[in-house]
C-alpha atoms as a PDB file:
ATOM      1  CA  UNK A   1      31.396   7.941 -68.785  1.00  0.00           C
ATOM      2  CA  UNK A   2      28.634   9.485 -70.175  1.00  0.00           C
ATOM      3  CA  UNK A   3      24.431   9.306 -71.569  1.00  0.00           C
ATOM      4  CA  UNK A   4      24.323   9.093 -75.493  1.00  0.00           C
ATOM      5  CA  UNK A   5      21.811   8.673 -78.546  1.00  0.00           C
ATOM      6  CA  UNK A   6      23.107   7.510 -81.508  1.00  0.00           C
ATOM      7  CA  UNK A   7      21.185   8.783 -84.176  1.00  0.00           C
ATOM      8  CA  UNK A   8      22.076   5.552 -87.379  1.00  0.00           C
ATOM      9  CA  UNK A   9      22.838   2.924 -85.106  1.00  0.00           C
ATOM     10  CA  UNK A  10      21.850   0.321 -87.663  1.00  0.00           C
ATOM     11  CA  UNK A  11      23.661   1.436 -90.492  1.00  0.00           C
ATOM     12  CA  UNK A  12      27.886  -0.129 -91.042  1.00  0.00           C
ATOM     13  CA  UNK A  13      29.348   1.914 -89.949  1.00  0.00           C
ATOM     14  CA  UNK A  14      26.484   2.572 -86.481  1.00  0.00           C
ATOM     15  CA  UNK A  15      27.161  -0.975 -85.520  1.00  0.00           C
ATOM     16  CA  UNK A  16      31.173   0.053 -85.299  1.00  0.00           C
ATOM     17  CA  UNK A  17      30.062   3.470 -82.609  1.00  0.00           C
ATOM     18  CA  UNK A  18      27.652   1.066 -80.458  1.00  0.00           C
ATOM     19  CA  UNK A  19      29.854  -1.213 -80.149  1.00  0.00           C
ATOM     20  CA  UNK A  20      32.801   1.409 -79.217  1.00  0.00           C
ATOM     21  CA  UNK A  21      30.703   3.040 -76.831  1.00  0.00           C
ATOM     22  CA  UNK A  22      28.990  -0.108 -74.973  1.00  0.00           C
ATOM     23  CA  UNK A  23      33.307  -0.989 -74.698  1.00  0.00           C
ATOM     24  CA  UNK A  24      33.936   2.833 -73.593  1.00  0.00           C
ATOM     25  CA  UNK A  25      32.036   2.679 -69.868  1.00  0.00           C
ATOM     26  CA  UNK A  26      29.281   4.820 -72.067  1.00  0.00           C
ATOM     27  CA  UNK A  27      25.423   4.878 -71.389  1.00  0.00           C
ATOM     28  CA  UNK A  28      23.971   3.957 -75.007  1.00  0.00           C
ATOM     29  CA  UNK A  29      20.590   4.809 -76.666  1.00  0.00           C
ATOM     30  CA  UNK A  30      19.544   4.208 -80.434  1.00  0.00           C
ATOM     31  CA  UNK A  31      17.011   5.298 -81.830  1.00  0.00           C
ATOM     32  CA  UNK A  32      16.236   2.804 -85.100  1.00  0.00           C
ATOM     33  CA  UNK A  33      13.109   1.671 -86.741  1.00  0.00           C
ATOM     34  CA  UNK A  34      13.374  -1.241 -86.531  1.00  0.00           C
ATOM     35  CA  UNK A  35      14.952  -3.022 -82.877  1.00  0.00           C
ATOM     36  CA  UNK A  36      14.248  -5.861 -83.980  1.00  0.00           C
ATOM     37  CA  UNK A  37      16.919  -6.247 -87.234  1.00  0.00           C
ATOM     38  CA  UNK A  38      19.515  -4.595 -85.240  1.00  0.00           C
ATOM     39  CA  UNK A  39      21.978  -6.761 -83.079  1.00  0.00           C
ATOM     40  CA  UNK A  40      23.147  -4.596 -80.074  1.00  0.00           C
ATOM     41  CA  UNK A  41      25.729  -5.007 -77.630  1.00  0.00           C
ATOM     42  CA  UNK A  42      24.579  -5.837 -73.925  1.00  0.00           C
ATOM     43  CA  UNK A  43      23.611  -3.086 -72.258  1.00  0.00           C
ATOM     44  CA  UNK A  44      22.942  -1.000 -75.311  1.00  0.00           C
ATOM     45  CA  UNK A  45      18.702   0.397 -75.383  1.00  0.00           C
ATOM     46  CA  UNK A  46      17.314   0.471 -78.180  1.00  0.00           C
ATOM     47  CA  UNK A  47      14.515   2.690 -79.325  1.00  0.00           C
ATOM     48  CA  UNK A  48      12.261   2.176 -81.928  1.00  0.00           C
ATOM     49  CA  UNK A  49      11.543   5.053 -84.242  1.00  0.00           C
ATOM     50  CA  UNK A  50      12.985   6.993 -87.028  1.00  0.00           C
ATOM     51  CA  UNK A  51      14.812  10.935 -87.302  1.00  0.00           C
ATOM     52  CA  UNK A  52      11.585  11.780 -89.682  1.00  0.00           C
ATOM     53  CA  UNK A  53       9.478  12.213 -86.474  1.00  0.00           C
ATOM     54  CA  UNK A  54      10.833  15.133 -84.035  1.00  0.00           C
ATOM     55  CA  UNK A  55       8.461  13.848 -81.143  1.00  0.00           C
ATOM     56  CA  UNK A  56      10.854  10.029 -81.913  1.00  0.00           C
ATOM     57  CA  UNK A  57      14.083  12.284 -81.075  1.00  0.00           C
ATOM     58  CA  UNK A  58      12.377  13.764 -77.997  1.00  0.00           C
ATOM     59  CA  UNK A  59      11.395  10.138 -76.352  1.00  0.00           C
ATOM     60  CA  UNK A  60      14.873   8.820 -77.169  1.00  0.00           C
ATOM     61  CA  UNK A  61      17.395  12.379 -76.120  1.00  0.00           C
ATOM     62  CA  UNK A  62      15.148  11.930 -73.048  1.00  0.00           C
ATOM     63  CA  UNK A  63      18.266  11.938 -70.229  1.00  0.00           C
ATOM     64  CA  UNK A  64      21.403  12.042 -73.005  1.00  0.00           C
ATOM     65  CA  UNK A  65      24.135  14.205 -72.761  1.00  0.00           C
ATOM     66  CA  UNK A  66      25.398  14.101 -75.807  1.00  0.00           C
ATOM     67  CA  UNK A  67      24.724  13.062 -79.749  1.00  0.00           C
ATOM     68  CA  UNK A  68      26.852  10.725 -82.034  1.00  0.00           C
ATOM     69  CA  UNK A  69      24.738  11.067 -86.104  1.00  0.00           C
ATOM     70  CA  UNK A  70      26.159   8.598 -88.048  1.00  0.00           C
ATOM     71  CA  UNK A  71      23.483   9.173 -90.403  1.00  0.00           C
ATOM     72  CA  UNK A  72      23.880   8.117 -94.518  1.00  0.00           C
ATOM     73  CA  UNK A  73      21.518   8.555 -97.170  1.00  0.00           C
ATOM     74  CA  UNK A  74      20.641   5.161 -98.331  1.00  0.00           C
ATOM     75  CA  UNK A  75      20.513   3.798-102.511  1.00  0.00           C
ATOM     76  CA  UNK A  76      19.103   0.858-103.783  1.00  0.00           C
ATOM     77  CA  UNK A  77      22.612  -0.590-103.875  1.00  0.00           C
ATOM     78  CA  UNK A  78      26.146  -0.159-102.759  1.00  0.00           C
ATOM     79  CA  UNK A  79      26.662   1.273-107.215  1.00  0.00           C
ATOM     80  CA  UNK A  80      26.849   4.850-107.563  1.00  0.00           C
ATOM     81  CA  UNK A  81      24.206   4.202-109.865  1.00  0.00           C
ATOM     82  CA  UNK A  82      21.808   2.938-107.686  1.00  0.00           C
ATOM     83  CA  UNK A  83      18.720   5.020-107.843  1.00  0.00           C
ATOM     84  CA  UNK A  84      18.516   6.669-104.172  1.00  0.00           C
ATOM     85  CA  UNK A  85      15.819   5.112-101.833  1.00  0.00           C
ATOM     86  CA  UNK A  86      15.786   7.914 -98.156  1.00  0.00           C
ATOM     87  CA  UNK A  87      13.741  11.359 -98.558  1.00  0.00           C
ATOM     88  CA  UNK A  88      15.787  13.870-100.623  1.00  0.00           C
ATOM     89  CA  UNK A  89      17.673  15.601 -97.840  1.00  0.00           C
ATOM     90  CA  UNK A  90      16.880  13.235 -95.242  1.00  0.00           C
ATOM     91  CA  UNK A  91      20.018  14.133 -93.348  1.00  0.00           C
ATOM     92  CA  UNK A  92      19.269  17.653 -92.897  1.00  0.00           C
ATOM     93  CA  UNK A  93      16.122  17.663 -91.613  1.00  0.00           C
ATOM     94  CA  UNK A  94      17.186  14.949 -89.693  1.00  0.00           C
ATOM     95  CA  UNK A  95      20.273  17.438 -87.823  1.00  0.00           C
ATOM     96  CA  UNK A  96      17.572  20.304 -88.337  1.00  0.00           C
ATOM     97  CA  UNK A  97      15.305  18.359 -86.070  1.00  0.00           C
ATOM     98  CA  UNK A  98      18.078  16.923 -83.949  1.00  0.00           C
ATOM     99  CA  UNK A  99      19.316  20.390 -82.947  1.00  0.00           C
ATOM    100  CA  UNK A 100      15.881  21.438 -82.259  1.00  0.00           C
ATOM    101  CA  UNK A 101      15.656  18.193 -79.647  1.00  0.00           C
ATOM    102  CA  UNK A 102      18.576  19.647 -78.139  1.00  0.00           C
ATOM    103  CA  UNK A 103      17.782  22.923 -77.403  1.00  0.00           C
ATOM    104  CA  UNK A 104      14.639  21.919 -76.194  1.00  0.00           C
ATOM    105  CA  UNK A 105      16.437  19.628 -73.759  1.00  0.00           C
ATOM    106  CA  UNK A 106      19.464  21.348 -72.886  1.00  0.00           C
ATOM    107  CA  UNK A 107      21.956  19.145 -74.808  1.00  0.00           C
ATOM    108  CA  UNK A 108      24.933  21.163 -76.395  1.00  0.00           C
ATOM    109  CA  UNK A 109      27.349  18.306 -77.513  1.00  0.00           C
ATOM    110  CA  UNK A 110      26.977  15.965 -81.141  1.00  0.00           C
ATOM    111  CA  UNK A 111      29.572  14.848 -83.593  1.00  0.00           C
ATOM    112  CA  UNK A 112      28.117  14.090 -87.538  1.00  0.00           C
ATOM    113  CA  UNK A 113      29.770  12.058 -89.590  1.00  0.00           C
ATOM    114  CA  UNK A 114      30.063  14.406 -93.041  1.00  0.00           C
ATOM    115  CA  UNK A 115      31.919  13.747 -96.106  1.00  0.00           C
ATOM    116  CA  UNK A 116      35.137  14.648 -98.018  1.00  0.00           C
ATOM    117  CA  UNK A 117      33.586  17.852-100.241  1.00  0.00           C
ATOM    118  CA  UNK A 118      30.838  18.414 -98.567  1.00  0.00           C
ATOM    119  CA  UNK A 119      30.437  22.435 -98.272  1.00  0.00           C
ATOM    120  CA  UNK A 120      33.232  24.498 -98.227  1.00  0.00           C
ATOM    121  CA  UNK A 121      35.364  21.946 -99.360  1.00  0.00           C
ATOM    122  CA  UNK A 122      33.649  20.723-102.416  1.00  0.00           C
ATOM    123  CA  UNK A 123      36.137  23.327-104.107  1.00  0.00           C
ATOM    124  CA  UNK A 124      39.440  21.225-103.022  1.00  0.00           C
ATOM    125  CA  UNK A 125      38.177  18.383-105.061  1.00  0.00           C
ATOM    126  CA  UNK A 126      39.464  16.571-108.013  1.00  0.00           C
ATOM    127  CA  UNK A 127      37.280  18.210-111.274  1.00  0.00           C
ATOM    128  CA  UNK A 128      37.331  14.400-112.674  1.00  0.00           C
ATOM    129  CA  UNK A 129      35.841  13.896-108.867  1.00  0.00           C
ATOM    130  CA  UNK A 130      33.143  16.422-109.060  1.00  0.00           C
ATOM    131  CA  UNK A 131      32.042  15.562-112.798  1.00  0.00           C
ATOM    132  CA  UNK A 132      31.785  12.059-111.389  1.00  0.00           C
ATOM    133  CA  UNK A 133      29.788  12.520-108.873  1.00  0.00           C
ATOM    134  CA  UNK A 134      27.118  15.320-110.603  1.00  0.00           C
ATOM    135  CA  UNK A 135      26.717  12.506-113.224  1.00  0.00           C
ATOM    136  CA  UNK A 136      25.994   9.837-110.526  1.00  0.00           C
ATOM    137  CA  UNK A 137      23.325   8.706-107.943  1.00  0.00           C
ATOM    138  CA  UNK A 138      26.210   9.838-105.338  1.00  0.00           C
ATOM    139  CA  UNK A 139      24.953  14.125-106.031  1.00  0.00           C
ATOM    140  CA  UNK A 140      22.243  13.265-103.917  1.00  0.00           C
ATOM    141  CA  UNK A 141      24.049  12.553-100.327  1.00  0.00           C
ATOM    142  CA  UNK A 142      27.127  15.365-101.210  1.00  0.00           C
ATOM    143  CA  UNK A 143      23.803  17.883-101.518  1.00  0.00           C
ATOM    144  CA  UNK A 144      22.506  16.342 -98.498  1.00  0.00           C
ATOM    145  CA  UNK A 145      25.823  16.799 -96.194  1.00  0.00           C
ATOM    146  CA  UNK A 146      26.299  19.874 -97.676  1.00  0.00           C
ATOM    147  CA  UNK A 147      22.809  20.642 -96.377  1.00  0.00           C
ATOM    148  CA  UNK A 148      23.649  18.969 -92.450  1.00  0.00           C
ATOM    149  CA  UNK A 149      26.925  21.263 -93.424  1.00  0.00           C
ATOM    150  CA  UNK A 150      24.829  24.328 -92.919  1.00  0.00           C
ATOM    151  CA  UNK A 151      22.395  23.822 -91.108  1.00  0.00           C
ATOM    152  CA  UNK A 152      24.797  22.844 -88.082  1.00  0.00           C
ATOM    153  CA  UNK A 153      27.555  25.785 -88.717  1.00  0.00           C
ATOM    154  CA  UNK A 154      24.068  28.008 -88.108  1.00  0.00           C
ATOM    155  CA  UNK A 155      23.042  26.704 -85.021  1.00  0.00           C
ATOM    156  CA  UNK A 156      23.619  28.096 -81.629  1.00  0.00           C
ATOM    157  CA  UNK A 157      24.449  27.582 -78.394  1.00  0.00           C
ATOM    158  CA  UNK A 158      25.643  23.861 -80.185  1.00  0.00           C
ATOM    159  CA  UNK A 159      29.393  22.350 -79.557  1.00  0.00           C
ATOM    160  CA  UNK A 160      29.135  20.194 -83.089  1.00  0.00           C
ATOM    161  CA  UNK A 161      31.648  18.431 -84.804  1.00  0.00           C
ATOM    162  CA  UNK A 162      31.991  17.257 -88.687  1.00  0.00           C
ATOM    163  CA  UNK A 163      33.720  14.237 -89.298  1.00  0.00           C
ATOM    164  CA  UNK A 164      34.334  14.643 -92.735  1.00  0.00           C
ATOM    165  CA  UNK A 165      35.059  10.953 -93.634  1.00  0.00           C
ATOM    166  CA  UNK A 166      37.751  10.205 -96.574  1.00  0.00           C
ATOM    167  CA  UNK A 167      35.945   7.069 -98.815  1.00  0.00           C
ATOM    168  CA  UNK A 168      35.068   4.511 -96.380  1.00  0.00           C
ATOM    169  CA  UNK A 169      35.789   0.437 -95.939  1.00  0.00           C
ATOM    170  CA  UNK A 170      35.279  -2.409 -93.656  1.00  0.00           C
ATOM    171  CA  UNK A 171      38.353  -3.275 -93.084  1.00  0.00           C
ATOM    172  CA  UNK A 172      39.498  -3.919 -89.743  1.00  0.00           C
ATOM    173  CA  UNK A 173      40.671  -1.602 -87.347  1.00  0.00           C
ATOM    174  CA  UNK A 174      44.661  -0.368 -88.660  1.00  0.00           C
ATOM    175  CA  UNK A 175      45.184   1.824 -85.792  1.00  0.00           C
ATOM    176  CA  UNK A 176      44.397   5.822 -84.837  1.00  0.00           C
ATOM    177  CA  UNK A 177      43.504   7.308 -87.941  1.00  0.00           C
ATOM    178  CA  UNK A 178      44.332  11.126 -89.056  1.00  0.00           C
ATOM    179  CA  UNK A 179      42.833  14.211 -88.468  1.00  0.00           C
ATOM    180  CA  UNK A 180      43.584  17.400 -90.307  1.00  0.00           C
ATOM    181  CA  UNK A 181      41.288  20.725 -91.137  1.00  0.00           C
ATOM    182  CA  UNK A 182      40.722  21.203 -94.911  1.00  0.00           C
ATOM    183  CA  UNK A 183      43.371  21.914 -96.852  1.00  0.00           C
ATOM    184  CA  UNK A 184      45.990  21.923 -94.243  1.00  0.00           C
ATOM    185  CA  UNK A 185      47.335  17.664 -95.404  1.00  0.00           C
ATOM    186  CA  UNK A 186      47.059  15.343 -98.135  1.00  0.00           C
ATOM    187  CA  UNK A 187      44.094  13.671 -96.971  1.00  0.00           C
ATOM    188  CA  UNK A 188      44.913   9.764 -97.305  1.00  0.00           C
ATOM    189  CA  UNK A 189      42.411   8.001 -99.860  1.00  0.00           C
ATOM    190  CA  UNK A 190      40.157   5.585 -97.567  1.00  0.00           C
ATOM    191  CA  UNK A 191      39.045   4.597 -93.983  1.00  0.00           C
ATOM    192  CA  UNK A 192      37.707   2.187 -92.363  1.00  0.00           C
ATOM    193  CA  UNK A 193      33.653   2.176 -90.346  1.00  0.00           C
ATOM    194  CA  UNK A 194      35.959   0.859 -87.253  1.00  0.00           C
ATOM    195  CA  UNK A 195      38.585   3.507 -87.450  1.00  0.00           C
ATOM    196  CA  UNK A 196      35.914   5.985 -87.935  1.00  0.00           C
ATOM    197  CA  UNK A 197      33.909   5.332 -84.867  1.00  0.00           C
ATOM    198  CA  UNK A 198      36.813   5.013 -82.656  1.00  0.00           C
ATOM    199  CA  UNK A 199      37.142   9.246 -83.912  1.00  0.00           C
ATOM    200  CA  UNK A 200      33.935   9.797 -83.518  1.00  0.00           C
ATOM    201  CA  UNK A 201      33.801   8.556 -79.212  1.00  0.00           C
ATOM    202  CA  UNK A 202      37.232   9.925 -78.661  1.00  0.00           C
ATOM    203  CA  UNK A 203      36.322  13.178 -80.253  1.00  0.00           C
ATOM    204  CA  UNK A 204      33.576  13.779 -78.218  1.00  0.00           C
ATOM    205  CA  UNK A 205      35.293  12.292 -74.795  1.00  0.00           C
ATOM    206  CA  UNK A 206      37.683  14.477 -75.410  1.00  0.00           C
ATOM    207  CA  UNK A 207      35.859  17.704 -76.630  1.00  0.00           C
ATOM    208  CA  UNK A 208      37.992  18.284 -79.347  1.00  0.00           C
ATOM    209  CA  UNK A 209      37.565  19.587 -82.694  1.00  0.00           C
ATOM    210  CA  UNK A 210      34.619  21.947 -81.117  1.00  0.00           C
ATOM    211  CA  UNK A 211      33.223  23.837 -84.566  1.00  0.00           C
ATOM    212  CA  UNK A 212      34.982  21.991 -86.807  1.00  0.00           C
ATOM    213  CA  UNK A 213      34.616  19.875 -89.712  1.00  0.00           C
ATOM    214  CA  UNK A 214      38.282  18.091 -89.907  1.00  0.00           C
ATOM    215  CA  UNK A 215      39.052  15.734 -93.065  1.00  0.00           C
ATOM    216  CA  UNK A 216      39.403  12.178 -91.373  1.00  0.00           C
ATOM    217  CA  UNK A 217      41.352   9.624 -92.461  1.00  0.00           C
ATOM    218  CA  UNK A 218      43.563   6.549 -91.726  1.00  0.00           C
ATOM    219  CA  UNK A 219      47.213   6.634 -92.436  1.00  0.00           C
ATOM    220  CA  UNK A 220      47.708   3.088 -93.294  1.00  0.00           C
ATOM    221  CA  UNK A 221      46.151  -0.128 -93.855  1.00  0.00           C
END
């Protein structure tokens, strides 16, 4: 059992992370903007605050041993043309603050959600997919994920994992997801949020994929 700080626990993937972490016996603390709106599992401690404020991260991280970040950029709706509502480079700035706090408090381990096509994986995307991204408002999210990738890789003394998820779905769990270094296998097209959450916890617990950025996908379902 370990003590975990969860960032992004109020989101759709974050809710699964809170549930899985609590079920697996971890002591869980989540930094959330409005605790009254989060239906957290029994035993999960909700800390009011935002990853946009480094002092809030400091309070939430105190006494924890590892971090899972499932932060994402918000848009006005799930429509790819919808206007982004998060501050520019929100995830990148939050990652930078989180890594600073981890250094201050001696926390070495962090697992973060990323996306297929972030960082050096951009070159592997289909040209049609690239064109769609560049012409839609999801472009901001890809640029932010790449920013996170760069900040995390530049950190020292941190055991990080960037889980590059393919397209996310809300389907039920369908079995252990597949993970591989980009370019070594052809990934599937989807991963459900519940299985991604399980992957994040197992990666943390087993200390796998240290300083790596695997693609993660469902093999079925």
